[in-house]
Amino acid sequence: MAKTNFQYEKRQKELEKKKKAEEKARRKLEAKNNPKPADGEEGTEGDASEADDADAADGSDAPAQPQ
């Protein structure tokens, strides 16, 4: 019967931990560079981009004028 290769399993666990730590650090850095909007303003960014898309879809080259 073959022996279990514990060193391989340990190395795989270490690699997985390292990968998770790097992902967490990357997310933390992104959050630091791109802070979330204050409470009550959630979703306004997505709405603005949808409005820009709608303006572009109407075919006019002029920027949208506030009313």
Protein backbone atom coordinates (compact mmCIF):
# COMPACT_ATOMS: atom_id res chain seq x y z
CA MET A 1 0.00 0.00 0.00
CA ALA A 2 1.25 3.50 -0.92
CA LYS A 3 2.23 5.99 1.72
CA THR A 4 0.35 9.28 1.93
CA ASN A 5 2.44 12.22 0.84
CA PHE A 6 1.86 14.60 3.74
CA GLN A 7 4.42 17.09 2.48
CA TYR A 8 2.45 17.52 -0.75
CA GLU A 9 -0.80 18.05 1.16
CA LYS A 10 0.87 20.54 3.49
CA ARG A 11 2.34 22.46 0.55
CA GLN A 12 -1.08 22.63 -1.13
CA LYS A 13 -2.64 24.02 2.07
CA GLU A 14 0.15 26.59 2.35
CA LEU A 15 -0.36 27.66 -1.28
CA GLU A 16 -4.11 28.00 -0.71
CA LYS A 17 -3.54 30.13 2.41
CA LYS A 18 -1.10 32.34 0.50
CA LYS A 19 -3.56 32.73 -2.36
CA LYS A 20 -6.37 33.71 0.02
CA ALA A 21 -4.11 36.19 1.83
CA GLU A 22 -3.08 37.82 -1.45
CA GLU A 23 -6.72 38.06 -2.55
CA LYS A 24 -7.68 39.65 0.77
CA ALA A 25 -4.82 42.13 0.53
CA ARG A 26 -5.84 43.01 -3.03
CA ARG A 27 -9.48 43.59 -1.99
CA LYS A 28 -8.34 45.69 0.98
CA LEU A 29 -6.12 47.82 -1.26
CA GLU A 30 -8.96 48.31 -3.76
CA ALA A 31 -11.31 49.34 -0.96
CA LYS A 32 -8.72 51.82 0.29
CA ASN A 33 -8.23 53.33 -3.18
CA ASN A 34 -11.95 53.33 -4.04
CA PRO A 35 -13.91 54.19 -0.89
CA LYS A 36 -17.60 53.36 -0.86
CA PRO A 37 -20.12 56.22 -1.04
CA ALA A 38 -21.74 57.42 2.18
CA ASP A 39 -24.95 55.82 3.41
CA GLY A 40 -27.99 56.75 1.38
CA GLU A 41 -25.97 57.24 -1.78
CA GLU A 42 -25.69 53.59 -2.70
CA GLY A 43 -26.58 52.79 -6.28
CA THR A 44 -26.29 56.38 -7.53
CA GLU A 45 -23.14 55.56 -9.44
CA GLY A 46 -24.85 52.77 -11.39
CA ASP A 47 -27.87 54.98 -12.10
CA ALA A 48 -25.65 57.72 -13.49
CA SER A 49 -23.91 55.34 -15.87
CA GLU A 50 -27.28 54.02 -17.04
CA ALA A 51 -28.42 57.60 -17.69
CA ASP A 52 -25.24 58.24 -19.70
CA ASP A 53 -25.95 55.11 -21.73
CA ALA A 54 -29.50 56.31 -22.40
CA ASP A 55 -28.20 59.72 -23.54
CA ALA A 56 -25.72 58.06 -25.87
CA ALA A 57 -28.42 55.79 -27.26
CA ASP A 58 -30.65 58.70 -28.40
CA GLY A 59 -28.17 59.53 -31.15
CA SER A 60 -27.51 63.18 -30.24
CA ASP A 61 -23.94 64.39 -30.06
CA ALA A 62 -24.74 67.24 -27.67
CA PRO A 63 -24.29 66.67 -23.94
CA ALA A 64 -27.43 66.33 -21.86
CA GLN A 65 -28.76 69.66 -20.58
CA PRO A 66 -30.14 69.93 -17.02
CA GLN A 67 -33.73 71.15 -16.86
